[in-house]
Amino acid sequence: MIGSKSMPLQAAEKSRELGAWFATRAAMMAKSTKGQGTTEYAILVGVLVVIAILAIMVFRPKLQELWNAIADGINGL
């Protein structure tokens, strides 16, 4: 076969090219900060939800008392 590469050599060359392409893409993705803001907001929302749940648990008796006072006031109208 004059002018053409043997099949195993072509496969090895394509494999190297594919490996180089994947390495380049991985490096680009590692440098990308595109989704970083979304992740930070998700963490922030999670922390705020935990704080809100803890606050409700700690102040539950006072909140129940306030709720009952409001309900009694509305019923008394």
N, C-alpha and C. Protein backbone atom coordinates (compact mmCIF):
# COMPACT_ATOMS: atom_id res chain seq x y z
N MET A 1 0.84 -1.17 0.00
CA MET A 1 0.00 0.00 0.00
C MET A 1 0.89 1.24 0.00
N ILE A 2 1.04 1.79 -1.14
CA ILE A 2 1.90 2.95 -1.29
C ILE A 2 1.12 4.22 -0.93
N GLY A 3 1.71 5.04 -0.06
CA GLY A 3 1.10 6.31 0.28
C GLY A 3 0.04 6.24 1.37
N SER A 4 -0.28 5.06 1.85
CA SER A 4 -1.26 4.97 2.93
C SER A 4 -0.62 4.34 4.16
N LYS A 5 -1.13 4.68 5.28
CA LYS A 5 -0.58 4.15 6.53
C LYS A 5 -1.25 2.82 6.83
N SER A 6 -0.57 2.01 7.59
CA SER A 6 -1.18 0.75 7.96
C SER A 6 -2.28 1.01 8.98
N MET A 7 -3.24 0.12 9.08
CA MET A 7 -4.40 0.31 9.93
C MET A 7 -4.03 0.50 11.40
N PRO A 8 -3.15 -0.31 12.00
CA PRO A 8 -2.79 -0.10 13.41
C PRO A 8 -2.13 1.25 13.65
N LEU A 9 -1.36 1.73 12.71
CA LEU A 9 -0.71 3.02 12.85
C LEU A 9 -1.74 4.15 12.81
N GLN A 10 -2.72 4.03 11.94
CA GLN A 10 -3.78 5.03 11.87
C GLN A 10 -4.58 5.05 13.17
N ALA A 11 -4.89 3.89 13.70
CA ALA A 11 -5.66 3.81 14.94
C ALA A 11 -4.88 4.42 16.09
N ALA A 12 -3.59 4.16 16.16
CA ALA A 12 -2.77 4.71 17.23
C ALA A 12 -2.69 6.23 17.11
N GLU A 13 -2.58 6.73 15.88
CA GLU A 13 -2.51 8.17 15.67
C GLU A 13 -3.83 8.83 16.05
N LYS A 14 -4.94 8.23 15.67
CA LYS A 14 -6.25 8.78 16.02
C LYS A 14 -6.47 8.72 17.52
N SER A 15 -5.99 7.67 18.14
CA SER A 15 -6.11 7.55 19.59
C SER A 15 -5.34 8.66 20.29
N ARG A 16 -4.13 8.96 19.79
CA ARG A 16 -3.34 10.05 20.36
C ARG A 16 -4.03 11.39 20.16
N GLU A 17 -4.59 11.60 18.98
CA GLU A 17 -5.30 12.85 18.71
C GLU A 17 -6.52 12.99 19.61
N LEU A 18 -7.24 11.90 19.78
CA LEU A 18 -8.42 11.93 20.64
C LEU A 18 -8.01 12.19 22.09
N GLY A 19 -6.93 11.56 22.54
CA GLY A 19 -6.43 11.79 23.89
C GLY A 19 -6.02 13.23 24.10
N ALA A 20 -5.37 13.81 23.10
CA ALA A 20 -4.96 15.22 23.19
C ALA A 20 -6.18 16.12 23.23
N TRP A 21 -7.20 15.79 22.43
CA TRP A 21 -8.42 16.59 22.43
C TRP A 21 -9.10 16.55 23.80
N PHE A 22 -9.22 15.34 24.38
CA PHE A 22 -9.82 15.23 25.70
C PHE A 22 -9.02 15.97 26.76
N ALA A 23 -7.70 15.90 26.69
CA ALA A 23 -6.86 16.61 27.65
C ALA A 23 -7.05 18.12 27.53
N THR A 24 -7.16 18.62 26.31
CA THR A 24 -7.39 20.05 26.10
C THR A 24 -8.74 20.46 26.65
N ARG A 25 -9.78 19.67 26.37
CA ARG A 25 -11.13 19.99 26.88
C ARG A 25 -11.16 19.94 28.40
N ALA A 26 -10.51 18.96 29.00
CA ALA A 26 -10.48 18.86 30.46
C ALA A 26 -9.79 20.06 31.07
N ALA A 27 -8.72 20.50 30.46
CA ALA A 27 -8.01 21.68 30.96
C ALA A 27 -8.87 22.92 30.84
N MET A 28 -9.61 23.05 29.74
CA MET A 28 -10.49 24.20 29.56
C MET A 28 -11.62 24.18 30.59
N MET A 29 -12.18 23.01 30.85
CA MET A 29 -13.28 22.90 31.80
C MET A 29 -12.80 23.17 33.22
N ALA A 30 -11.57 22.78 33.52
CA ALA A 30 -11.03 23.01 34.86
C ALA A 30 -10.84 24.51 35.11
N LYS A 31 -10.51 25.25 34.06
CA LYS A 31 -10.31 26.69 34.20
C LYS A 31 -11.63 27.46 34.20
N SER A 32 -12.68 26.84 33.69
CA SER A 32 -13.97 27.51 33.56
C SER A 32 -14.60 27.74 34.93
N THR A 33 -15.14 28.93 35.13
CA THR A 33 -15.83 29.27 36.38
C THR A 33 -17.29 29.57 36.10
N LYS A 34 -17.80 29.07 35.00
CA LYS A 34 -19.14 29.38 34.55
C LYS A 34 -20.21 29.01 35.58
N GLY A 35 -20.14 27.84 36.19
CA GLY A 35 -21.15 27.40 37.13
C GLY A 35 -20.84 27.73 38.58
N GLN A 36 -19.76 28.44 38.81
CA GLN A 36 -19.32 28.73 40.17
C GLN A 36 -20.34 29.61 40.89
N GLY A 37 -20.87 30.62 40.25
CA GLY A 37 -21.84 31.52 40.89
C GLY A 37 -23.08 30.78 41.32
N THR A 38 -23.57 29.89 40.48
CA THR A 38 -24.77 29.11 40.81
C THR A 38 -24.52 28.25 42.03
N THR A 39 -23.38 27.62 42.10
CA THR A 39 -23.04 26.78 43.24
C THR A 39 -22.97 27.60 44.51
N GLU A 40 -22.37 28.77 44.43
CA GLU A 40 -22.27 29.63 45.62
C GLU A 40 -23.65 30.07 46.10
N TYR A 41 -24.54 30.40 45.17
CA TYR A 41 -25.89 30.78 45.56
C TYR A 41 -26.64 29.61 46.19
N ALA A 42 -26.44 28.41 45.66
CA ALA A 42 -27.10 27.23 46.21
C ALA A 42 -26.62 26.97 47.64
N ILE A 43 -25.33 27.12 47.88
CA ILE A 43 -24.79 26.94 49.23
C ILE A 43 -25.36 28.00 50.16
N LEU A 44 -25.41 29.25 49.70
CA LEU A 44 -25.94 30.34 50.51
C LEU A 44 -27.40 30.09 50.88
N VAL A 45 -28.21 29.67 49.91
CA VAL A 45 -29.62 29.38 50.18
C VAL A 45 -29.74 28.23 51.18
N GLY A 46 -28.92 27.21 51.04
CA GLY A 46 -28.93 26.09 51.98
C GLY A 46 -28.62 26.53 53.40
N VAL A 47 -27.62 27.37 53.55
CA VAL A 47 -27.25 27.87 54.88
C VAL A 47 -28.38 28.71 55.47
N LEU A 48 -29.00 29.55 54.64
CA LEU A 48 -30.11 30.38 55.13
C LEU A 48 -31.31 29.53 55.55
N VAL A 49 -31.58 28.46 54.83
CA VAL A 49 -32.68 27.56 55.20
C VAL A 49 -32.39 26.90 56.55
N VAL A 50 -31.17 26.45 56.75
CA VAL A 50 -30.81 25.84 58.03
C VAL A 50 -30.96 26.85 59.17
N ILE A 51 -30.52 28.08 58.96
CA ILE A 51 -30.65 29.12 59.98
C ILE A 51 -32.12 29.40 60.27
N ALA A 52 -32.95 29.46 59.24
CA ALA A 52 -34.39 29.71 59.43
C ALA A 52 -35.03 28.58 60.23
N ILE A 53 -34.69 27.33 59.93
CA ILE A 53 -35.24 26.19 60.66
C ILE A 53 -34.82 26.24 62.12
N LEU A 54 -33.56 26.53 62.37
CA LEU A 54 -33.07 26.62 63.75
C LEU A 54 -33.78 27.76 64.51
N ALA A 55 -33.97 28.89 63.85
CA ALA A 55 -34.65 30.03 64.48
C ALA A 55 -36.09 29.67 64.83
N ILE A 56 -36.77 28.99 63.92
CA ILE A 56 -38.15 28.58 64.20
C ILE A 56 -38.21 27.61 65.37
N MET A 57 -37.25 26.69 65.43
CA MET A 57 -37.24 25.72 66.54
C MET A 57 -36.98 26.42 67.87
N VAL A 58 -36.07 27.39 67.88
CA VAL A 58 -35.72 28.07 69.12
C VAL A 58 -36.85 28.99 69.59
N PHE A 59 -37.45 29.71 68.66
CA PHE A 59 -38.48 30.68 69.02
C PHE A 59 -39.90 30.16 68.85
N ARG A 60 -40.07 28.87 68.75
CA ARG A 60 -41.39 28.29 68.51
C ARG A 60 -42.42 28.67 69.58
N PRO A 61 -42.09 28.59 70.86
CA PRO A 61 -43.11 28.98 71.85
C PRO A 61 -43.57 30.43 71.69
N LYS A 62 -42.64 31.34 71.45
CA LYS A 62 -43.00 32.75 71.26
C LYS A 62 -43.82 32.94 69.98
N LEU A 63 -43.44 32.24 68.93
CA LEU A 63 -44.19 32.34 67.68
C LEU A 63 -45.61 31.79 67.85
N GLN A 64 -45.74 30.69 68.59
CA GLN A 64 -47.07 30.11 68.83
C GLN A 64 -47.93 31.07 69.64
N GLU A 65 -47.31 31.70 70.62
CA GLU A 65 -48.02 32.68 71.45
C GLU A 65 -48.49 33.86 70.60
N LEU A 66 -47.62 34.37 69.74
CA LEU A 66 -47.96 35.48 68.86
C LEU A 66 -49.07 35.08 67.89
N TRP A 67 -48.96 33.89 67.32
CA TRP A 67 -49.97 33.40 66.38
C TRP A 67 -51.33 33.28 67.05
N ASN A 68 -51.34 32.75 68.27
CA ASN A 68 -52.60 32.62 69.02
C ASN A 68 -53.21 33.98 69.33
N ALA A 69 -52.37 34.96 69.67
CA ALA A 69 -52.86 36.31 69.96
C ALA A 69 -53.48 36.94 68.70
N ILE A 70 -52.84 36.73 67.57
CA ILE A 70 -53.37 37.26 66.31
C ILE A 70 -54.70 36.58 65.98
N ALA A 71 -54.75 35.26 66.13
CA ALA A 71 -55.97 34.51 65.83
C ALA A 71 -57.10 34.94 66.76
N ASP A 72 -56.81 35.11 68.04
CA ASP A 72 -57.83 35.57 68.99
C ASP A 72 -58.32 36.97 68.65
N GLY A 73 -57.42 37.83 68.23
CA GLY A 73 -57.80 39.19 67.83
C GLY A 73 -58.70 39.18 66.62
N ILE A 74 -58.40 38.33 65.64
CA ILE A 74 -59.23 38.25 64.45
C ILE A 74 -60.60 37.66 64.79
N ASN A 75 -60.62 36.63 65.63
CA ASN A 75 -61.89 36.01 66.03
C ASN A 75 -62.74 36.92 66.86
N GLY A 76 -62.12 37.86 67.57
CA GLY A 76 -62.85 38.78 68.42
C GLY A 76 -63.50 39.93 67.67
N LEU A 77 -63.23 40.04 66.39
CA LEU A 77 -63.82 41.13 65.60
C LEU A 77 -65.26 40.93 65.33
